[in-house]
Amino acid sequence: MVRLVALISLASGFLAISPRFRQTAWDGLADMVGGLDRYSPFSYIALGAALIFGFFFLLKASAAPR
């Protein structure tokens, strides 16, 4: 959990100090949302299914004995 918070804070800090990278990130996010809108509703269903399966995989991998 600490690692996740540290990575998010470092990424947020870098986005805050780098206007060119911030613009690139916003443009990429806008392109992704435009692509989802172009193929909706199937793209939203596929994204939801991918997130659910990824969450299940995460839970299964973390519960495995070591």
C-alpha atoms as a PDB file:
ATOM      1  CA  MET A   1       0.000   0.000   0.000  1.00  0.00           C
ATOM      2  CA  VAL A   2       2.848   2.338   0.840  1.00  0.00           C
ATOM      3  CA  ARG A   3       4.513   1.531  -2.492  1.00  0.00           C
ATOM      4  CA  LEU A   4       1.301   2.366  -4.366  1.00  0.00           C
ATOM      5  CA  VAL A   5       0.895   5.700  -2.580  1.00  0.00           C
ATOM      6  CA  ALA A   6       4.560   6.539  -3.210  1.00  0.00           C
ATOM      7  CA  LEU A   7       4.265   5.768  -6.939  1.00  0.00           C
ATOM      8  CA  ILE A   8       1.083   7.815  -7.280  1.00  0.00           C
ATOM      9  CA  SER A   9       2.637  10.754  -5.421  1.00  0.00           C
ATOM     10  CA  LEU A  10       5.805  10.641  -7.535  1.00  0.00           C
ATOM     11  CA  ALA A  11       3.780  10.504 -10.757  1.00  0.00           C
ATOM     12  CA  SER A  12       1.539  13.344  -9.570  1.00  0.00           C
ATOM     13  CA  GLY A  13       4.549  15.428  -8.626  1.00  0.00           C
ATOM     14  CA  PHE A  14       6.169  14.862 -11.986  1.00  0.00           C
ATOM     15  CA  LEU A  15       2.936  15.781 -13.780  1.00  0.00           C
ATOM     16  CA  ALA A  16       2.727  18.940 -11.663  1.00  0.00           C
ATOM     17  CA  ILE A  17       6.223  20.165 -12.608  1.00  0.00           C
ATOM     18  CA  SER A  18       6.312  19.095 -16.259  1.00  0.00           C
ATOM     19  CA  PRO A  19       3.792  20.958 -18.446  1.00  0.00           C
ATOM     20  CA  ARG A  20       4.839  19.156 -21.632  1.00  0.00           C
ATOM     21  CA  PHE A  21       4.422  15.692 -20.095  1.00  0.00           C
ATOM     22  CA  ARG A  22       1.127  16.776 -18.511  1.00  0.00           C
ATOM     23  CA  GLN A  23      -0.185  17.854 -21.920  1.00  0.00           C
ATOM     24  CA  THR A  24       0.943  14.555 -23.447  1.00  0.00           C
ATOM     25  CA  ALA A  25      -0.832  12.615 -20.677  1.00  0.00           C
ATOM     26  CA  TRP A  26      -4.059  14.635 -21.108  1.00  0.00           C
ATOM     27  CA  ASP A  27      -3.950  14.158 -24.892  1.00  0.00           C
ATOM     28  CA  GLY A  28      -3.498  10.413 -24.473  1.00  0.00           C
ATOM     29  CA  LEU A  29      -6.384  10.253 -22.020  1.00  0.00           C
ATOM     30  CA  ALA A  30      -8.589  12.245 -24.400  1.00  0.00           C
ATOM     31  CA  ASP A  31      -7.702   9.890 -27.274  1.00  0.00           C
ATOM     32  CA  MET A  32      -8.545   6.882 -25.113  1.00  0.00           C
ATOM     33  CA  VAL A  33     -11.934   8.317 -24.146  1.00  0.00           C
ATOM     34  CA  GLY A  34     -12.600   9.203 -27.787  1.00  0.00           C
ATOM     35  CA  GLY A  35     -11.816   5.625 -28.797  1.00  0.00           C
ATOM     36  CA  LEU A  36     -14.169   4.303 -26.131  1.00  0.00           C
ATOM     37  CA  ASP A  37     -16.933   6.614 -27.344  1.00  0.00           C
ATOM     38  CA  ARG A  38     -16.378   5.574 -30.939  1.00  0.00           C
ATOM     39  CA  TYR A  39     -17.053   1.909 -30.197  1.00  0.00           C
ATOM     40  CA  SER A  40     -19.485   2.243 -27.297  1.00  0.00           C
ATOM     41  CA  PRO A  41     -21.310   0.501 -25.644  1.00  0.00           C
ATOM     42  CA  PHE A  42     -19.209  -2.584 -26.442  1.00  0.00           C
ATOM     43  CA  SER A  43     -15.954  -0.880 -25.498  1.00  0.00           C
ATOM     44  CA  TYR A  44     -17.316   0.059 -22.068  1.00  0.00           C
ATOM     45  CA  ILE A  45     -18.510  -3.519 -21.525  1.00  0.00           C
ATOM     46  CA  ALA A  46     -15.081  -4.862 -22.530  1.00  0.00           C
ATOM     47  CA  LEU A  47     -13.330  -2.347 -20.253  1.00  0.00           C
ATOM     48  CA  GLY A  48     -15.564  -3.320 -17.336  1.00  0.00           C
ATOM     49  CA  ALA A  49     -14.959  -7.030 -17.964  1.00  0.00           C
ATOM     50  CA  ALA A  50     -11.188  -6.469 -18.167  1.00  0.00           C
ATOM     51  CA  LEU A  51     -11.223  -4.559 -14.875  1.00  0.00           C
ATOM     52  CA  ILE A  52     -13.296  -7.235 -13.137  1.00  0.00           C
ATOM     53  CA  PHE A  53     -11.075 -10.076 -14.397  1.00  0.00           C
ATOM     54  CA  GLY A  54      -7.973  -8.094 -13.459  1.00  0.00           C
ATOM     55  CA  PHE A  55      -9.368  -7.567  -9.966  1.00  0.00           C
ATOM     56  CA  PHE A  56     -10.106 -11.294  -9.621  1.00  0.00           C
ATOM     57  CA  PHE A  57      -6.599 -12.145 -10.817  1.00  0.00           C
ATOM     58  CA  LEU A  58      -5.140  -9.693  -8.311  1.00  0.00           C
ATOM     59  CA  LEU A  59      -7.111 -11.245  -5.472  1.00  0.00           C
ATOM     60  CA  LYS A  60      -6.197 -14.779  -6.556  1.00  0.00           C
ATOM     61  CA  ALA A  61      -2.504 -13.947  -6.878  1.00  0.00           C
ATOM     62  CA  SER A  62      -2.361 -12.247  -3.475  1.00  0.00           C
ATOM     63  CA  ALA A  63      -4.121 -15.183  -1.746  1.00  0.00           C
ATOM     64  CA  ALA A  64      -1.701 -17.801  -3.118  1.00  0.00           C
ATOM     65  CA  PRO A  65       0.589 -19.417  -0.520  1.00  0.00           C
ATOM     66  CA  ARG A  66       4.241 -18.473  -0.661  1.00  0.00           C
END
